[in-house]
Amino acid sequence: MRALEVGERALLLEFDGGGEARAFHAEVLRRRAAGELPSVREVVPAARTVLLDGVEEPRALAARLARWEPGPPHARAEAVTEVPVRYDGPDLAEVAALWGVAPGEVGRIHAGAVYEVAFCGFAPGFGYLTGLPERYAVPRRATPRTSVPAGSVALAGPYTGVYPRSSPGGWQLIGTTDVVLWDPERVPAALLAPGARVRFAAEAP
């Protein structure tokens, strides 16, 4: 782990891999909930970093964090959010070819994993979900779409994501869901937050 001071009251923690970042993020949340972490206003995970904002003494906290030995990212018990999906996406055949399976197998494989929201970004409510085995990673589309419908379930690299609203996008679309990912009238507005566990349930197209 590398700790970099950002401004006067923030620390950016850099890791060699996503797994390390997720494990450390989980440890931060555990210790924060237990009252074992000095005052931190905001904790923001990303692919290989964790940002701690609103830190009173960043240098002292960095020295303290260097002595931590985080447990595995799934050490805490959490409910699993179920997202019903119709595996009817326009890129289903292309993903099946990349995986070396029949198109009908894509949904079975995808729905067979339990996912974790590694971090959020791109658009409000959009989570980057990990959980598919590495062999199922797929490239982004060579030509992005100018408009991807809200509720599209998509793959890119090692991640699964669900588009919370219509927007441009270059991920491979394998299905659709009616679940609302972002609702400003809801508390919290985002259905999925970093660290949340998710399972996709196949519906009839």
C-alpha atoms as a PDB file:
ATOM      1  CA  MET A   1       0.000   0.000   0.000  1.00  0.00           C
ATOM      2  CA  ARG A   2       1.149   3.530  -0.829  1.00  0.00           C
ATOM      3  CA  ALA A   3      -0.353   6.439   1.103  1.00  0.00           C
ATOM      4  CA  LEU A   4      -0.349   9.825  -0.629  1.00  0.00           C
ATOM      5  CA  GLU A   5      -1.428  13.051   1.039  1.00  0.00           C
ATOM      6  CA  VAL A   6      -4.045  14.869  -1.029  1.00  0.00           C
ATOM      7  CA  GLY A   7      -4.454  18.506  -0.081  1.00  0.00           C
ATOM      8  CA  GLU A   8      -4.470  19.217   3.641  1.00  0.00           C
ATOM      9  CA  ARG A   9      -7.042  16.695   4.880  1.00  0.00           C
ATOM     10  CA  ALA A  10      -7.141  13.640   2.648  1.00  0.00           C
ATOM     11  CA  LEU A  11      -5.220  10.433   2.039  1.00  0.00           C
ATOM     12  CA  LEU A  12      -5.196   8.450  -1.191  1.00  0.00           C
ATOM     13  CA  LEU A  13      -4.297   4.803  -0.582  1.00  0.00           C
ATOM     14  CA  GLU A  14      -2.956   2.999  -3.663  1.00  0.00           C
ATOM     15  CA  PHE A  15      -2.821  -0.795  -4.047  1.00  0.00           C
ATOM     16  CA  ASP A  16      -1.327  -3.186  -6.592  1.00  0.00           C
ATOM     17  CA  GLY A  17      -4.640  -4.948  -7.266  1.00  0.00           C
ATOM     18  CA  GLY A  18      -8.386  -4.592  -6.944  1.00  0.00           C
ATOM     19  CA  GLY A  19      -8.632  -7.386  -4.395  1.00  0.00           C
ATOM     20  CA  GLU A  20      -6.273  -5.581  -2.025  1.00  0.00           C
ATOM     21  CA  ALA A  21      -8.218  -2.336  -2.424  1.00  0.00           C
ATOM     22  CA  ARG A  22     -11.547  -4.072  -1.689  1.00  0.00           C
ATOM     23  CA  ALA A  23     -10.109  -5.832   1.361  1.00  0.00           C
ATOM     24  CA  PHE A  24      -8.725  -2.576   2.732  1.00  0.00           C
ATOM     25  CA  HIS A  25     -11.981  -0.743   2.039  1.00  0.00           C
ATOM     26  CA  ALA A  26     -13.869  -3.427   3.983  1.00  0.00           C
ATOM     27  CA  GLU A  27     -11.391  -3.108   6.852  1.00  0.00           C
ATOM     28  CA  VAL A  28     -11.826   0.677   6.927  1.00  0.00           C
ATOM     29  CA  LEU A  29     -15.599   0.282   7.148  1.00  0.00           C
ATOM     30  CA  ARG A  30     -15.345  -2.374   9.874  1.00  0.00           C
ATOM     31  CA  ARG A  31     -13.023  -0.269  12.016  1.00  0.00           C
ATOM     32  CA  ARG A  32     -15.002   2.899  11.395  1.00  0.00           C
ATOM     33  CA  ALA A  33     -18.204   1.168  12.569  1.00  0.00           C
ATOM     34  CA  ALA A  34     -16.376  -0.139  15.650  1.00  0.00           C
ATOM     35  CA  GLY A  35     -15.078   3.332  16.512  1.00  0.00           C
ATOM     36  CA  GLU A  36     -11.471   2.298  15.894  1.00  0.00           C
ATOM     37  CA  LEU A  37     -10.789   4.826  13.135  1.00  0.00           C
ATOM     38  CA  PRO A  38     -10.026   8.522  13.685  1.00  0.00           C
ATOM     39  CA  SER A  39     -12.542  10.962  12.273  1.00  0.00           C
ATOM     40  CA  VAL A  40     -12.901  10.488   8.500  1.00  0.00           C
ATOM     41  CA  ARG A  41     -15.661  12.373   6.692  1.00  0.00           C
ATOM     42  CA  GLU A  42     -15.830  10.257   3.551  1.00  0.00           C
ATOM     43  CA  VAL A  43     -14.467   6.919   2.301  1.00  0.00           C
ATOM     44  CA  VAL A  44     -14.376   6.566  -1.501  1.00  0.00           C
ATOM     45  CA  PRO A  45     -13.190   3.260  -3.039  1.00  0.00           C
ATOM     46  CA  ALA A  46     -12.113   2.925  -6.683  1.00  0.00           C
ATOM     47  CA  ALA A  47     -10.546   0.183  -8.818  1.00  0.00           C
ATOM     48  CA  ARG A  48      -7.181   0.161  -7.001  1.00  0.00           C
ATOM     49  CA  THR A  49      -7.447   3.033  -4.541  1.00  0.00           C
ATOM     50  CA  VAL A  50      -9.312   4.126  -1.419  1.00  0.00           C
ATOM     51  CA  LEU A  51      -9.650   7.841  -0.683  1.00  0.00           C
ATOM     52  CA  LEU A  52     -10.081   8.977   2.924  1.00  0.00           C
ATOM     53  CA  ASP A  53     -11.334  12.557   3.064  1.00  0.00           C
ATOM     54  CA  GLY A  54     -11.768  14.857   6.039  1.00  0.00           C
ATOM     55  CA  VAL A  55      -8.746  13.499   7.930  1.00  0.00           C
ATOM     56  CA  GLU A  56      -7.400  15.637  10.787  1.00  0.00           C
ATOM     57  CA  GLU A  57      -3.795  14.342  10.698  1.00  0.00           C
ATOM     58  CA  PRO A  58      -3.150  12.559   7.371  1.00  0.00           C
ATOM     59  CA  ARG A  59       0.509  11.721   8.044  1.00  0.00           C
ATOM     60  CA  ALA A  60      -0.214  10.189  11.447  1.00  0.00           C
ATOM     61  CA  LEU A  61      -3.126   8.207  10.033  1.00  0.00           C
ATOM     62  CA  ALA A  62      -0.959   6.906   7.156  1.00  0.00           C
ATOM     63  CA  ALA A  63       1.551   5.530   9.676  1.00  0.00           C
ATOM     64  CA  ARG A  64      -1.270   3.870  11.589  1.00  0.00           C
ATOM     65  CA  LEU A  65      -2.835   2.316   8.483  1.00  0.00           C
ATOM     66  CA  ALA A  66       0.527   0.857   7.431  1.00  0.00           C
ATOM     67  CA  ARG A  67       0.315  -1.484  10.448  1.00  0.00           C
ATOM     68  CA  TRP A  68      -3.115  -2.851   9.554  1.00  0.00           C
ATOM     69  CA  GLU A  69      -3.549  -6.425   8.340  1.00  0.00           C
ATOM     70  CA  PRO A  70      -6.951  -6.455   6.611  1.00  0.00           C
ATOM     71  CA  GLY A  71      -9.011  -9.614   6.478  1.00  0.00           C
ATOM     72  CA  PRO A  72     -10.651 -10.879   3.282  1.00  0.00           C
ATOM     73  CA  PRO A  73     -13.155  -8.496   1.665  1.00  0.00           C
ATOM     74  CA  HIS A  74     -16.059 -10.903   2.281  1.00  0.00           C
ATOM     75  CA  ALA A  75     -15.331 -11.380   5.985  1.00  0.00           C
ATOM     76  CA  ARG A  76     -18.415  -9.382   6.985  1.00  0.00           C
ATOM     77  CA  ALA A  77     -21.888 -10.889   6.729  1.00  0.00           C
ATOM     78  CA  GLU A  78     -24.234  -9.010   4.431  1.00  0.00           C
ATOM     79  CA  ALA A  79     -27.603  -9.493   2.818  1.00  0.00           C
ATOM     80  CA  VAL A  80     -27.574 -10.158  -0.926  1.00  0.00           C
ATOM     81  CA  THR A  81     -29.562  -7.826  -3.195  1.00  0.00           C
ATOM     82  CA  GLU A  82     -31.325  -9.790  -5.930  1.00  0.00           C
ATOM     83  CA  VAL A  83     -31.640  -8.201  -9.370  1.00  0.00           C
ATOM     84  CA  PRO A  84     -34.036  -9.986 -11.789  1.00  0.00           C
ATOM     85  CA  VAL A  85     -32.661 -10.021 -15.343  1.00  0.00           C
ATOM     86  CA  ARG A  86     -33.986 -10.953 -18.769  1.00  0.00           C
ATOM     87  CA  TYR A  87     -30.950 -12.222 -20.670  1.00  0.00           C
ATOM     88  CA  ASP A  88     -32.003 -10.692 -23.970  1.00  0.00           C
ATOM     89  CA  GLY A  89     -29.212  -8.191 -24.668  1.00  0.00           C
ATOM     90  CA  PRO A  90     -28.081  -7.384 -28.220  1.00  0.00           C
ATOM     91  CA  ASP A  91     -24.509  -8.530 -27.483  1.00  0.00           C
ATOM     92  CA  LEU A  92     -25.491 -11.914 -26.051  1.00  0.00           C
ATOM     93  CA  ALA A  93     -24.287 -13.862 -29.110  1.00  0.00           C
ATOM     94  CA  GLU A  94     -20.979 -11.976 -29.203  1.00  0.00           C
ATOM     95  CA  VAL A  95     -20.333 -12.638 -25.508  1.00  0.00           C
ATOM     96  CA  ALA A  96     -21.274 -16.301 -25.992  1.00  0.00           C
ATOM     97  CA  ALA A  97     -18.713 -16.565 -28.802  1.00  0.00           C
ATOM     98  CA  LEU A  98     -16.032 -14.971 -26.615  1.00  0.00           C
ATOM     99  CA  TRP A  99     -16.844 -17.428 -23.834  1.00  0.00           C
ATOM    100  CA  GLY A 100     -17.030 -20.411 -26.193  1.00  0.00           C
ATOM    101  CA  VAL A 101     -20.589 -21.316 -25.138  1.00  0.00           C
ATOM    102  CA  ALA A 102     -24.087 -21.266 -26.623  1.00  0.00           C
ATOM    103  CA  PRO A 103     -25.982 -17.968 -26.193  1.00  0.00           C
ATOM    104  CA  GLY A 104     -28.420 -19.645 -23.815  1.00  0.00           C
ATOM    105  CA  GLU A 105     -25.542 -20.489 -21.467  1.00  0.00           C
ATOM    106  CA  VAL A 106     -24.513 -16.869 -20.898  1.00  0.00           C
ATOM    107  CA  GLY A 107     -27.382 -16.158 -18.533  1.00  0.00           C
ATOM    108  CA  ARG A 108     -26.853 -19.371 -16.600  1.00  0.00           C
ATOM    109  CA  ILE A 109     -23.161 -18.601 -16.093  1.00  0.00           C
ATOM    110  CA  HIS A 110     -23.737 -14.954 -15.254  1.00  0.00           C
ATOM    111  CA  ALA A 111     -26.563 -15.669 -12.806  1.00  0.00           C
ATOM    112  CA  GLY A 112     -24.515 -18.403 -11.134  1.00  0.00           C
ATOM    113  CA  ALA A 113     -22.113 -15.993  -9.398  1.00  0.00           C
ATOM    114  CA  VAL A 114     -22.474 -13.778  -6.340  1.00  0.00           C
ATOM    115  CA  TYR A 115     -21.133 -10.283  -7.014  1.00  0.00           C
ATOM    116  CA  GLU A 116     -19.739  -7.465  -4.909  1.00  0.00           C
ATOM    117  CA  VAL A 117     -19.880  -3.759  -5.713  1.00  0.00           C
ATOM    118  CA  ALA A 118     -16.190  -2.873  -5.852  1.00  0.00           C
ATOM    119  CA  PHE A 119     -16.808   0.848  -6.386  1.00  0.00           C
ATOM    120  CA  CYS A 120     -19.262   3.248  -8.008  1.00  0.00           C
ATOM    121  CA  GLY A 121     -18.855   5.852 -10.709  1.00  0.00           C
ATOM    122  CA  PHE A 122     -19.557   6.841 -14.324  1.00  0.00           C
ATOM    123  CA  ALA A 123     -23.155   7.811 -13.448  1.00  0.00           C
ATOM    124  CA  PRO A 124     -25.159   8.101 -10.207  1.00  0.00           C
ATOM    125  CA  GLY A 125     -26.128   4.583  -9.119  1.00  0.00           C
ATOM    126  CA  PHE A 126     -23.715   2.782 -11.449  1.00  0.00           C
ATOM    127  CA  GLY A 127     -21.748   0.103  -9.589  1.00  0.00           C
ATOM    128  CA  TYR A 128     -18.737  -1.829 -10.848  1.00  0.00           C
ATOM    129  CA  LEU A 129     -19.463  -5.401  -9.767  1.00  0.00           C
ATOM    130  CA  THR A 130     -16.846  -8.129  -9.436  1.00  0.00           C
ATOM    131  CA  GLY A 131     -17.584 -11.824  -9.123  1.00  0.00           C
ATOM    132  CA  LEU A 132     -17.314 -13.482 -12.537  1.00  0.00           C
ATOM    133  CA  PRO A 133     -14.279 -15.768 -12.883  1.00  0.00           C
ATOM    134  CA  GLU A 134     -11.374 -14.162 -14.749  1.00  0.00           C
ATOM    135  CA  ARG A 135     -11.879 -16.350 -17.820  1.00  0.00           C
ATOM    136  CA  TYR A 136     -15.191 -14.585 -18.509  1.00  0.00           C
ATOM    137  CA  ALA A 137     -13.692 -11.098 -18.828  1.00  0.00           C
ATOM    138  CA  VAL A 138     -14.677  -9.497 -22.138  1.00  0.00           C
ATOM    139  CA  PRO A 139     -13.417  -6.409 -23.992  1.00  0.00           C
ATOM    140  CA  ARG A 140     -15.472  -3.282 -24.453  1.00  0.00           C
ATOM    141  CA  ARG A 141     -17.147  -2.835 -27.810  1.00  0.00           C
ATOM    142  CA  ALA A 142     -14.872  -1.466 -30.532  1.00  0.00           C
ATOM    143  CA  THR A 143     -17.501   1.198 -31.263  1.00  0.00           C
ATOM    144  CA  PRO A 144     -19.487   2.508 -28.264  1.00  0.00           C
ATOM    145  CA  ARG A 145     -23.230   3.030 -28.590  1.00  0.00           C
ATOM    146  CA  THR A 146     -24.513   6.584 -28.524  1.00  0.00           C
ATOM    147  CA  SER A 147     -27.435   5.500 -26.341  1.00  0.00           C
ATOM    148  CA  VAL A 148     -27.750   2.522 -23.985  1.00  0.00           C
ATOM    149  CA  PRO A 149     -31.209   2.030 -22.408  1.00  0.00           C
ATOM    150  CA  ALA A 150     -31.653   2.328 -18.651  1.00  0.00           C
ATOM    151  CA  GLY A 151     -31.669  -1.084 -16.977  1.00  0.00           C
ATOM    152  CA  SER A 152     -29.184  -2.634 -19.411  1.00  0.00           C
ATOM    153  CA  VAL A 153     -27.034  -5.302 -17.759  1.00  0.00           C
ATOM    154  CA  ALA A 154     -23.556  -5.150 -19.240  1.00  0.00           C
ATOM    155  CA  LEU A 155     -20.044  -6.570 -19.118  1.00  0.00           C
ATOM    156  CA  ALA A 156     -16.631  -4.966 -19.644  1.00  0.00           C
ATOM    157  CA  GLY A 157     -13.295  -6.399 -18.561  1.00  0.00           C
ATOM    158  CA  PRO A 158     -13.809  -8.155 -15.207  1.00  0.00           C
ATOM    159  CA  TYR A 159     -16.868  -6.051 -14.300  1.00  0.00           C
ATOM    160  CA  THR A 160     -20.641  -6.314 -14.522  1.00  0.00           C
ATOM    161  CA  GLY A 161     -22.697  -3.126 -14.424  1.00  0.00           C
ATOM    162  CA  VAL A 162     -26.301  -1.990 -14.773  1.00  0.00           C
ATOM    163  CA  TYR A 163     -26.968   1.305 -16.531  1.00  0.00           C
ATOM    164  CA  PRO A 164     -29.107   3.394 -14.141  1.00  0.00           C
ATOM    165  CA  ARG A 165     -30.247   5.727 -16.918  1.00  0.00           C
ATOM    166  CA  SER A 166     -30.003   6.047 -20.685  1.00  0.00           C
ATOM    167  CA  SER A 167     -26.502   7.153 -21.684  1.00  0.00           C
ATOM    168  CA  PRO A 168     -23.717   6.472 -24.173  1.00  0.00           C
ATOM    169  CA  GLY A 169     -21.697   3.350 -23.386  1.00  0.00           C
ATOM    170  CA  GLY A 170     -19.275   0.805 -24.764  1.00  0.00           C
ATOM    171  CA  TRP A 171     -19.996  -2.224 -22.572  1.00  0.00           C
ATOM    172  CA  GLN A 172     -21.316  -5.528 -23.907  1.00  0.00           C
ATOM    173  CA  LEU A 173     -25.081  -5.679 -23.275  1.00  0.00           C
ATOM    174  CA  ILE A 174     -26.324  -9.110 -22.183  1.00  0.00           C
ATOM    175  CA  GLY A 175     -29.670  -8.365 -20.517  1.00  0.00           C
ATOM    176  CA  THR A 176     -32.194  -5.950 -19.085  1.00  0.00           C
ATOM    177  CA  THR A 177     -33.746  -5.354 -15.669  1.00  0.00           C
ATOM    178  CA  ASP A 178     -36.640  -3.248 -14.390  1.00  0.00           C
ATOM    179  CA  VAL A 179     -34.908  -2.591 -11.065  1.00  0.00           C
ATOM    180  CA  VAL A 180     -34.399   1.125 -10.348  1.00  0.00           C
ATOM    181  CA  LEU A 181     -30.728   1.693  -9.558  1.00  0.00           C
ATOM    182  CA  TRP A 182     -30.972   5.414  -8.755  1.00  0.00           C
ATOM    183  CA  ASP A 183     -33.984   7.183  -7.256  1.00  0.00           C
ATOM    184  CA  PRO A 184     -33.458  10.650  -5.708  1.00  0.00           C
ATOM    185  CA  GLU A 185     -36.700  10.174  -3.730  1.00  0.00           C
ATOM    186  CA  ARG A 186     -35.335   7.021  -2.081  1.00  0.00           C
ATOM    187  CA  VAL A 187     -33.062   6.906   0.977  1.00  0.00           C
ATOM    188  CA  PRO A 188     -30.406   6.023   0.076  1.00  0.00           C
ATOM    189  CA  ALA A 189     -30.883   7.076  -3.537  1.00  0.00           C
ATOM    190  CA  ALA A 190     -28.492   4.403  -4.863  1.00  0.00           C
ATOM    191  CA  LEU A 191     -29.684   0.804  -4.653  1.00  0.00           C
ATOM    192  CA  LEU A 192     -26.085  -0.467  -4.679  1.00  0.00           C
ATOM    193  CA  ALA A 193     -23.207   0.902  -2.614  1.00  0.00           C
ATOM    194  CA  PRO A 194     -19.553  -0.194  -2.454  1.00  0.00           C
ATOM    195  CA  GLY A 195     -19.275  -3.469  -0.567  1.00  0.00           C
ATOM    196  CA  ALA A 196     -22.872  -4.552  -1.312  1.00  0.00           C
ATOM    197  CA  ARG A 197     -23.382  -8.111  -2.490  1.00  0.00           C
ATOM    198  CA  VAL A 198     -25.578  -8.825  -5.510  1.00  0.00           C
ATOM    199  CA  ARG A 199     -27.065 -11.845  -7.218  1.00  0.00           C
ATOM    200  CA  PHE A 200     -28.706 -11.762 -10.660  1.00  0.00           C
ATOM    201  CA  ALA A 201     -31.812 -13.925 -11.120  1.00  0.00           C
ATOM    202  CA  ALA A 202     -32.716 -15.015 -14.643  1.00  0.00           C
ATOM    203  CA  GLU A 203     -36.245 -14.226 -15.823  1.00  0.00           C
ATOM    204  CA  ALA A 204     -38.000 -15.439 -18.940  1.00  0.00           C
ATOM    205  CA  PRO A 205     -37.263 -13.024 -21.821  1.00  0.00           C
END
